[in-house]
Amino acid sequence: MATNEEIMKGAVRVRVPTVSELGDQTVNLNVYVVDDKGSK
């Protein structure tokens, strides 16, 4: 999970985790949003 989320209008800014196993890897980014209307 990415950290230091900063939510902006229509976007989110996060910090790429400093986990040694992630070095030289390709990752897929998935965004999950949960509110009182449900999840997206």
All heavy atoms as atom14 arrays in JSON, in Angstrom:
{
  "sequence": "MATNEEIMKGAVRVRVPTVSELGDQTVNLNVYVVDDKGSK",
  "atom14_mask": [
    [1, 1, 1, 1, 1, 1, 1, 1, 0, 0, 0, 0, 0, 0],
    [1, 1, 1, 1, 1, 0, 0, 0, 0, 0, 0, 0, 0, 0],
    [1, 1, 1, 1, 1, 1, 1, 0, 0, 0, 0, 0, 0, 0],
    [1, 1, 1, 1, 1, 1, 1, 1, 0, 0, 0, 0, 0, 0],
    [1, 1, 1, 1, 1, 1, 1, 1, 1, 0, 0, 0, 0, 0],
    [1, 1, 1, 1, 1, 1, 1, 1, 1, 0, 0, 0, 0, 0],
    [1, 1, 1, 1, 1, 1, 1, 1, 0, 0, 0, 0, 0, 0],
    [1, 1, 1, 1, 1, 1, 1, 1, 0, 0, 0, 0, 0, 0],
    [1, 1, 1, 1, 1, 1, 1, 1, 1, 0, 0, 0, 0, 0],
    [1, 1, 1, 1, 0, 0, 0, 0, 0, 0, 0, 0, 0, 0],
    [1, 1, 1, 1, 1, 0, 0, 0, 0, 0, 0, 0, 0, 0],
    [1, 1, 1, 1, 1, 1, 1, 0, 0, 0, 0, 0, 0, 0],
    [1, 1, 1, 1, 1, 1, 1, 1, 1, 1, 1, 0, 0, 0],
    [1, 1, 1, 1, 1, 1, 1, 0, 0, 0, 0, 0, 0, 0],
    [1, 1, 1, 1, 1, 1, 1, 1, 1, 1, 1, 0, 0, 0],
    [1, 1, 1, 1, 1, 1, 1, 0, 0, 0, 0, 0, 0, 0],
    [1, 1, 1, 1, 1, 1, 1, 0, 0, 0, 0, 0, 0, 0],
    [1, 1, 1, 1, 1, 1, 1, 0, 0, 0, 0, 0, 0, 0],
    [1, 1, 1, 1, 1, 1, 1, 0, 0, 0, 0, 0, 0, 0],
    [1, 1, 1, 1, 1, 1, 0, 0, 0, 0, 0, 0, 0, 0],
    [1, 1, 1, 1, 1, 1, 1, 1, 1, 0, 0, 0, 0, 0],
    [1, 1, 1, 1, 1, 1, 1, 1, 0, 0, 0, 0, 0, 0],
    [1, 1, 1, 1, 0, 0, 0, 0, 0, 0, 0, 0, 0, 0],
    [1, 1, 1, 1, 1, 1, 1, 1, 0, 0, 0, 0, 0, 0],
    [1, 1, 1, 1, 1, 1, 1, 1, 1, 0, 0, 0, 0, 0],
    [1, 1, 1, 1, 1, 1, 1, 0, 0, 0, 0, 0, 0, 0],
    [1, 1, 1, 1, 1, 1, 1, 0, 0, 0, 0, 0, 0, 0],
    [1, 1, 1, 1, 1, 1, 1, 1, 0, 0, 0, 0, 0, 0],
    [1, 1, 1, 1, 1, 1, 1, 1, 0, 0, 0, 0, 0, 0],
    [1, 1, 1, 1, 1, 1, 1, 1, 0, 0, 0, 0, 0, 0],
    [1, 1, 1, 1, 1, 1, 1, 0, 0, 0, 0, 0, 0, 0],
    [1, 1, 1, 1, 1, 1, 1, 1, 1, 1, 1, 1, 0, 0],
    [1, 1, 1, 1, 1, 1, 1, 0, 0, 0, 0, 0, 0, 0],
    [1, 1, 1, 1, 1, 1, 1, 0, 0, 0, 0, 0, 0, 0],
    [1, 1, 1, 1, 1, 1, 1, 1, 0, 0, 0, 0, 0, 0],
    [1, 1, 1, 1, 1, 1, 1, 1, 0, 0, 0, 0, 0, 0],
    [1, 1, 1, 1, 1, 1, 1, 1, 1, 0, 0, 0, 0, 0],
    [1, 1, 1, 1, 0, 0, 0, 0, 0, 0, 0, 0, 0, 0],
    [1, 1, 1, 1, 1, 1, 0, 0, 0, 0, 0, 0, 0, 0],
    [1, 1, 1, 1, 1, 1, 1, 1, 1, 0, 0, 0, 0, 0]
  ],
  "atom14_positions": [
    [[0.84, -1.19, 0.0], [0.0, 0.0, 0.0], [0.88, 1.24, 0.0], [1.85, 1.33, 0.76], [-0.93, 0.02, 1.22], [-1.98, 1.09, 1.1], [-3.21, 1.07, 2.43], [-3.74, -0.61, 2.44], [0.0, 0.0, 0.0], [0.0, 0.0, 0.0], [0.0, 0.0, 0.0], [0.0, 0.0, 0.0], [0.0, 0.0, 0.0], [0.0, 0.0, 0.0]],
    [[0.56, 2.19, -0.87], [1.29, 3.45, -0.91], [0.93, 4.28, 0.32], [-0.13, 4.1, 0.92], [0.95, 4.21, -2.19], [0.0, 0.0, 0.0], [0.0, 0.0, 0.0], [0.0, 0.0, 0.0], [0.0, 0.0, 0.0], [0.0, 0.0, 0.0], [0.0, 0.0, 0.0], [0.0, 0.0, 0.0], [0.0, 0.0, 0.0], [0.0, 0.0, 0.0]],
    [[1.81, 5.2, 0.69], [1.61, 5.98, 1.92], [1.56, 7.47, 1.62], [1.76, 7.9, 0.49], [2.77, 5.71, 2.9], [4.0, 6.05, 2.25], [2.8, 4.25, 3.33], [0.0, 0.0, 0.0], [0.0, 0.0, 0.0], [0.0, 0.0, 0.0], [0.0, 0.0, 0.0], [0.0, 0.0, 0.0], [0.0, 0.0, 0.0], [0.0, 0.0, 0.0]],
    [[1.32, 8.24, 2.67], [1.28, 9.7, 2.62], [0.3, 10.2, 1.56], [0.64, 11.03, 0.72], [2.66, 10.29, 2.35], [3.63, 10.0, 3.49], [3.29, 9.31, 4.43], [4.81, 10.54, 3.4], [0.0, 0.0, 0.0], [0.0, 0.0, 0.0], [0.0, 0.0, 0.0], [0.0, 0.0, 0.0], [0.0, 0.0, 0.0], [0.0, 0.0, 0.0]],
    [[-0.94, 9.7, 1.62], [-1.95, 10.11, 0.64], [-2.35, 11.56, 0.86], [-2.57, 11.99, 1.98], [-3.2, 9.24, 0.77], [-2.97, 7.8, 0.45], [-3.61, 6.89, 1.48], [-4.05, 7.37, 2.53], [-3.67, 5.69, 1.22], [0.0, 0.0, 0.0], [0.0, 0.0, 0.0], [0.0, 0.0, 0.0], [0.0, 0.0, 0.0], [0.0, 0.0, 0.0]],
    [[-2.41, 12.28, -0.21], [-2.93, 13.64, -0.21], [-4.01, 13.7, -1.28], [-3.72, 13.58, -2.47], [-1.81, 14.64, -0.51], [-2.26, 16.07, -0.48], [-1.14, 17.03, -0.84], [0.04, 16.66, -0.69], [-1.46, 18.13, -1.29], [0.0, 0.0, 0.0], [0.0, 0.0, 0.0], [0.0, 0.0, 0.0], [0.0, 0.0, 0.0], [0.0, 0.0, 0.0]],
    [[-5.25, 13.85, -0.84], [-6.37, 13.82, -1.77], [-6.62, 15.22, -2.29], [-6.72, 16.18, -1.52], [-7.62, 13.25, -1.09], [-7.32, 11.83, -0.6], [-8.8, 13.24, -2.05], [-8.36, 11.25, 0.31], [0.0, 0.0, 0.0], [0.0, 0.0, 0.0], [0.0, 0.0, 0.0], [0.0, 0.0, 0.0], [0.0, 0.0, 0.0], [0.0, 0.0, 0.0]],
    [[-6.72, 15.31, -3.61], [-7.02, 16.56, -4.29], [-8.29, 16.36, -5.09], [-8.78, 15.24, -5.19], [-5.86, 16.95, -5.21], [-4.52, 17.07, -4.51], [-3.14, 17.21, -5.65], [-2.83, 15.49, -6.01], [0.0, 0.0, 0.0], [0.0, 0.0, 0.0], [0.0, 0.0, 0.0], [0.0, 0.0, 0.0], [0.0, 0.0, 0.0], [0.0, 0.0, 0.0]],
    [[-8.81, 17.39, -5.67], [-10.01, 17.3, -6.49], [-9.75, 16.37, -7.68], [-9.0, 16.7, -8.58], [-10.42, 18.69, -6.97], [-11.63, 18.73, -7.86], [-12.88, 18.6, -7.05], [-14.07, 18.79, -7.99], [-15.21, 18.09, -7.56], [0.0, 0.0, 0.0], [0.0, 0.0, 0.0], [0.0, 0.0, 0.0], [0.0, 0.0, 0.0], [0.0, 0.0, 0.0]],
    [[-10.33, 15.17, -7.66], [-10.21, 14.24, -8.77], [-8.89, 13.49, -8.85], [-8.64, 12.79, -9.82], [0.0, 0.0, 0.0], [0.0, 0.0, 0.0], [0.0, 0.0, 0.0], [0.0, 0.0, 0.0], [0.0, 0.0, 0.0], [0.0, 0.0, 0.0], [0.0, 0.0, 0.0], [0.0, 0.0, 0.0], [0.0, 0.0, 0.0], [0.0, 0.0, 0.0]],
    [[-8.02, 13.62, -7.83], [-6.72, 12.94, -7.87], [-6.24, 12.65, -6.46], [-6.76, 13.17, -5.48], [-5.7, 13.82, -8.59], [0.0, 0.0, 0.0], [0.0, 0.0, 0.0], [0.0, 0.0, 0.0], [0.0, 0.0, 0.0], [0.0, 0.0, 0.0], [0.0, 0.0, 0.0], [0.0, 0.0, 0.0], [0.0, 0.0, 0.0], [0.0, 0.0, 0.0]],
    [[-5.24, 11.81, -6.38], [-4.58, 11.52, -5.11], [-3.07, 11.51, -5.36], [-2.61, 11.05, -6.39], [-5.05, 10.17, -4.5], [-4.73, 9.02, -5.42], [-4.46, 9.95, -3.12], [0.0, 0.0, 0.0], [0.0, 0.0, 0.0], [0.0, 0.0, 0.0], [0.0, 0.0, 0.0], [0.0, 0.0, 0.0], [0.0, 0.0, 0.0], [0.0, 0.0, 0.0]],
    [[-2.33, 12.08, -4.42], [-0.87, 12.03, -4.5], [-0.4, 11.11, -3.38], [-0.84, 11.23, -2.25], [-0.26, 13.42, -4.35], [1.25, 13.35, -4.54], [1.94, 14.65, -4.69], [1.46, 15.66, -3.77], [1.61, 16.96, -3.98], [2.21, 17.39, -5.06], [1.17, 17.82, -3.1], [0.0, 0.0, 0.0], [0.0, 0.0, 0.0], [0.0, 0.0, 0.0]],
    [[0.5, 10.19, -3.73], [1.04, 9.23, -2.77], [2.55, 9.15, -2.91], [3.11, 9.58, -3.92], [0.43, 7.82, -2.96], [-1.04, 7.81, -2.66], [0.71, 7.28, -4.34], [0.0, 0.0, 0.0], [0.0, 0.0, 0.0], [0.0, 0.0, 0.0], [0.0, 0.0, 0.0], [0.0, 0.0, 0.0], [0.0, 0.0, 0.0], [0.0, 0.0, 0.0]],
    [[3.17, 8.58, -1.89], [4.61, 8.36, -1.93], [4.86, 6.89, -2.28], [4.23, 6.0, -1.7], [5.24, 8.68, -0.58], [6.74, 8.41, -0.57], [7.49, 9.12, 0.52], [7.36, 10.55, 0.3], [7.14, 11.42, 1.28], [7.02, 11.02, 2.52], [7.04, 12.71, 1.02], [0.0, 0.0, 0.0], [0.0, 0.0, 0.0], [0.0, 0.0, 0.0]],
    [[5.77, 6.66, -3.21], [6.15, 5.29, -3.57], [6.87, 4.69, -2.37], [7.83, 5.27, -1.86], [7.06, 5.28, -4.82], [7.51, 3.86, -5.15], [6.35, 5.91, -6.01], [0.0, 0.0, 0.0], [0.0, 0.0, 0.0], [0.0, 0.0, 0.0], [0.0, 0.0, 0.0], [0.0, 0.0, 0.0], [0.0, 0.0, 0.0], [0.0, 0.0, 0.0]],
    [[6.39, 3.54, -1.88], [7.0, 2.94, -0.69], [8.48, 2.61, -0.89], [8.9, 2.26, -1.99], [6.19, 1.66, -0.47], [4.94, 1.84, -1.25], [5.26, 2.76, -2.38], [0.0, 0.0, 0.0], [0.0, 0.0, 0.0], [0.0, 0.0, 0.0], [0.0, 0.0, 0.0], [0.0, 0.0, 0.0], [0.0, 0.0, 0.0], [0.0, 0.0, 0.0]],
    [[9.24, 2.71, 0.19], [10.66, 2.36, 0.15], [10.82, 0.95, 0.7], [11.34, 0.75, 1.79], [11.51, 3.37, 0.95], [10.97, 3.45, 2.28], [11.51, 4.73, 0.32], [0.0, 0.0, 0.0], [0.0, 0.0, 0.0], [0.0, 0.0, 0.0], [0.0, 0.0, 0.0], [0.0, 0.0, 0.0], [0.0, 0.0, 0.0], [0.0, 0.0, 0.0]],
    [[10.37, 0.0, -0.07], [10.46, -1.42, 0.28], [11.49, -2.03, -0.66], [11.34, -1.93, -1.89], [9.08, -2.11, 0.12], [9.19, -3.6, 0.41], [8.04, -1.45, 1.0], [0.0, 0.0, 0.0], [0.0, 0.0, 0.0], [0.0, 0.0, 0.0], [0.0, 0.0, 0.0], [0.0, 0.0, 0.0], [0.0, 0.0, 0.0], [0.0, 0.0, 0.0]],
    [[12.52, -2.65, -0.1], [13.62, -3.13, -0.94], [13.16, -4.11, -2.02], [13.73, -4.14, -3.11], [14.7, -3.77, -0.08], [14.18, -4.88, 0.62], [0.0, 0.0, 0.0], [0.0, 0.0, 0.0], [0.0, 0.0, 0.0], [0.0, 0.0, 0.0], [0.0, 0.0, 0.0], [0.0, 0.0, 0.0], [0.0, 0.0, 0.0], [0.0, 0.0, 0.0]],
    [[12.13, -4.9, -1.75], [11.65, -5.87, -2.74], [11.02, -5.21, -3.95], [10.81, -5.85, -4.98], [10.64, -6.83, -2.11], [11.25, -7.81, -1.14], [11.28, -7.27, 0.28], [10.95, -6.08, 0.5], [11.66, -8.02, 1.17], [0.0, 0.0, 0.0], [0.0, 0.0, 0.0], [0.0, 0.0, 0.0], [0.0, 0.0, 0.0], [0.0, 0.0, 0.0]],
    [[10.68, -3.92, -3.86], [10.06, -3.23, -4.99], [11.08, -2.72, -6.0], [10.72, -2.34, -7.11], [9.22, -2.04, -4.5], [7.91, -2.37, -3.82], [7.21, -1.1, -3.37], [7.02, -3.18, -4.72], [0.0, 0.0, 0.0], [0.0, 0.0, 0.0], [0.0, 0.0, 0.0], [0.0, 0.0, 0.0], [0.0, 0.0, 0.0], [0.0, 0.0, 0.0]],
    [[12.36, -2.7, -5.63], [13.39, -2.22, -6.54], [13.45, -3.03, -7.81], [13.44, -4.25, -7.77], [0.0, 0.0, 0.0], [0.0, 0.0, 0.0], [0.0, 0.0, 0.0], [0.0, 0.0, 0.0], [0.0, 0.0, 0.0], [0.0, 0.0, 0.0], [0.0, 0.0, 0.0], [0.0, 0.0, 0.0], [0.0, 0.0, 0.0], [0.0, 0.0, 0.0]],
    [[13.48, -2.34, -8.94], [13.56, -2.94, -10.26], [12.34, -3.83, -10.56], [12.46, -4.9, -11.13], [14.86, -3.73, -10.44], [15.2, -3.94, -11.91], [14.85, -3.07, -12.73], [15.77, -4.99, -12.22], [0.0, 0.0, 0.0], [0.0, 0.0, 0.0], [0.0, 0.0, 0.0], [0.0, 0.0, 0.0], [0.0, 0.0, 0.0], [0.0, 0.0, 0.0]],
    [[11.16, -3.36, -10.15], [9.91, -4.08, -10.39], [8.92, -3.19, -11.13], [8.89, -1.98, -10.93], [9.27, -4.53, -9.07], [10.02, -5.59, -8.33], [10.02, -6.92, -9.08], [9.02, -7.32, -9.67], [11.15, -7.59, -9.04], [0.0, 0.0, 0.0], [0.0, 0.0, 0.0], [0.0, 0.0, 0.0], [0.0, 0.0, 0.0], [0.0, 0.0, 0.0]],
    [[8.08, -3.8, -11.94], [6.94, -3.11, -12.54], [5.72, -3.43, -11.69], [5.51, -4.58, -11.32], [6.72, -3.58, -13.99], [7.92, -3.33, -14.74], [5.56, -2.84, -14.64], [0.0, 0.0, 0.0], [0.0, 0.0, 0.0], [0.0, 0.0, 0.0], [0.0, 0.0, 0.0], [0.0, 0.0, 0.0], [0.0, 0.0, 0.0], [0.0, 0.0, 0.0]],
    [[4.96, -2.4, -11.36], [3.78, -2.59, -10.52], [2.55, -1.98, -11.2], [2.66, -1.04, -11.98], [3.95, -1.98, -9.11], [5.08, -2.65, -8.35], [4.18, -0.49, -9.17], [0.0, 0.0, 0.0], [0.0, 0.0, 0.0], [0.0, 0.0, 0.0], [0.0, 0.0, 0.0], [0.0, 0.0, 0.0], [0.0, 0.0, 0.0], [0.0, 0.0, 0.0]],
    [[1.41, -2.53, -10.88], [0.14, -1.98, -11.32], [-0.41, -1.14, -10.17], [-0.34, -1.54, -9.01], [-0.84, -3.1, -11.67], [-2.07, -2.58, -12.34], [-1.98, -1.85, -13.32], [-3.23, -2.92, -11.81], [0.0, 0.0, 0.0], [0.0, 0.0, 0.0], [0.0, 0.0, 0.0], [0.0, 0.0, 0.0], [0.0, 0.0, 0.0], [0.0, 0.0, 0.0]],
    [[-0.93, 0.04, -10.48], [-1.5, 0.93, -9.47], [-3.02, 0.79, -9.48], [-3.66, 0.98, -10.51], [-1.13, 2.39, -9.78], [0.35, 2.72, -9.81], [0.57, 4.12, -10.36], [0.95, 2.58, -8.43], [0.0, 0.0, 0.0], [0.0, 0.0, 0.0], [0.0, 0.0, 0.0], [0.0, 0.0, 0.0], [0.0, 0.0, 0.0], [0.0, 0.0, 0.0]],
    [[-3.58, 0.43, -8.33], [-5.02, 0.35, -8.17], [-5.46, 1.32, -7.1], [-4.84, 1.39, -6.04], [-5.45, -1.07, -7.78], [-5.16, -2.06, -8.88], [-4.17, -2.77, -8.82], [-5.99, -2.08, -9.9], [0.0, 0.0, 0.0], [0.0, 0.0, 0.0], [0.0, 0.0, 0.0], [0.0, 0.0, 0.0], [0.0, 0.0, 0.0], [0.0, 0.0, 0.0]],
    [[-6.51, 2.08, -7.4], [-7.05, 3.06, -6.46], [-8.4, 2.57, -5.98], [-9.26, 2.19, -6.78], [-7.2, 4.45, -7.13], [-7.77, 5.46, -6.15], [-5.86, 4.92, -7.68], [0.0, 0.0, 0.0], [0.0, 0.0, 0.0], [0.0, 0.0, 0.0], [0.0, 0.0, 0.0], [0.0, 0.0, 0.0], [0.0, 0.0, 0.0], [0.0, 0.0, 0.0]],
    [[-8.58, 2.57, -4.65], [-9.84, 2.15, -4.04], [-10.41, 3.33, -3.25], [-9.69, 3.93, -2.45], [-9.62, 0.95, -3.11], [-9.05, -0.24, -3.84], [-7.68, -0.47, -3.9], [-9.9, -1.12, -4.51], [-7.17, -1.56, -4.59], [-9.39, -2.21, -5.21], [-8.03, -2.42, -5.24], [-7.52, -3.5, -5.93], [0.0, 0.0, 0.0], [0.0, 0.0, 0.0]],
    [[-11.68, 3.63, -3.5], [-12.35, 4.75, -2.84], [-13.59, 4.21, -2.14], [-14.43, 3.59, -2.77], [-12.75, 5.84, -3.86], [-13.43, 7.0, -3.17], [-11.53, 6.31, -4.65], [0.0, 0.0, 0.0], [0.0, 0.0, 0.0], [0.0, 0.0, 0.0], [0.0, 0.0, 0.0], [0.0, 0.0, 0.0], [0.0, 0.0, 0.0], [0.0, 0.0, 0.0]],
    [[-13.67, 4.45, -0.82], [-14.83, 4.01, -0.05], [-15.44, 5.23, 0.63], [-14.73, 6.02, 1.25], [-14.43, 2.96, 1.01], [-15.64, 2.53, 1.83], [-13.76, 1.76, 0.36], [0.0, 0.0, 0.0], [0.0, 0.0, 0.0], [0.0, 0.0, 0.0], [0.0, 0.0, 0.0], [0.0, 0.0, 0.0], [0.0, 0.0, 0.0], [0.0, 0.0, 0.0]],
    [[-16.75, 5.39, 0.49], [-17.47, 6.47, 1.17], [-18.85, 5.97, 1.56], [-19.15, 4.78, 1.43], [-17.53, 7.73, 0.3], [-18.17, 7.52, -1.05], [-18.93, 6.53, -1.22], [-17.93, 8.33, -1.95], [0.0, 0.0, 0.0], [0.0, 0.0, 0.0], [0.0, 0.0, 0.0], [0.0, 0.0, 0.0], [0.0, 0.0, 0.0], [0.0, 0.0, 0.0]],
    [[-19.7, 6.86, 2.04], [-21.02, 6.45, 2.51], [-21.93, 5.96, 1.37], [-22.96, 5.35, 1.61], [-21.7, 7.58, 3.28], [-21.83, 8.86, 2.48], [-21.3, 8.94, 1.36], [-22.46, 9.8, 3.0], [0.0, 0.0, 0.0], [0.0, 0.0, 0.0], [0.0, 0.0, 0.0], [0.0, 0.0, 0.0], [0.0, 0.0, 0.0], [0.0, 0.0, 0.0]],
    [[-21.53, 6.19, 0.13], [-22.32, 5.74, -1.03], [-21.89, 4.34, -1.49], [-22.52, 3.77, -2.36], [-22.17, 6.72, -2.19], [-22.65, 8.11, -1.88], [-22.29, 9.04, -3.02], [-22.38, 10.47, -2.55], [-21.66, 11.38, -3.43], [0.0, 0.0, 0.0], [0.0, 0.0, 0.0], [0.0, 0.0, 0.0], [0.0, 0.0, 0.0], [0.0, 0.0, 0.0]],
    [[-20.79, 3.82, -0.97], [-20.29, 2.51, -1.39], [-18.81, 2.57, -1.72], [-18.09, 3.44, -1.24], [0.0, 0.0, 0.0], [0.0, 0.0, 0.0], [0.0, 0.0, 0.0], [0.0, 0.0, 0.0], [0.0, 0.0, 0.0], [0.0, 0.0, 0.0], [0.0, 0.0, 0.0], [0.0, 0.0, 0.0], [0.0, 0.0, 0.0], [0.0, 0.0, 0.0]],
    [[-18.39, 1.66, -2.57], [-16.97, 1.62, -2.94], [-16.82, 1.65, -4.46], [-17.66, 1.16, -5.2], [-16.29, 0.38, -2.37], [-16.86, -0.78, -2.92], [0.0, 0.0, 0.0], [0.0, 0.0, 0.0], [0.0, 0.0, 0.0], [0.0, 0.0, 0.0], [0.0, 0.0, 0.0], [0.0, 0.0, 0.0], [0.0, 0.0, 0.0], [0.0, 0.0, 0.0]],
    [[-15.71, 2.24, -4.88], [-15.36, 2.33, -6.3], [-13.87, 2.06, -6.41], [-13.12, 2.25, -5.46], [-15.66, 3.74, -6.84], [-17.1, 4.19, -6.7], [-17.27, 5.61, -7.15], [-17.14, 6.67, -6.15], [-17.78, 6.75, -4.93], [0.0, 0.0, 0.0], [0.0, 0.0, 0.0], [0.0, 0.0, 0.0], [0.0, 0.0, 0.0], [0.0, 0.0, 0.0]]
  ]
}
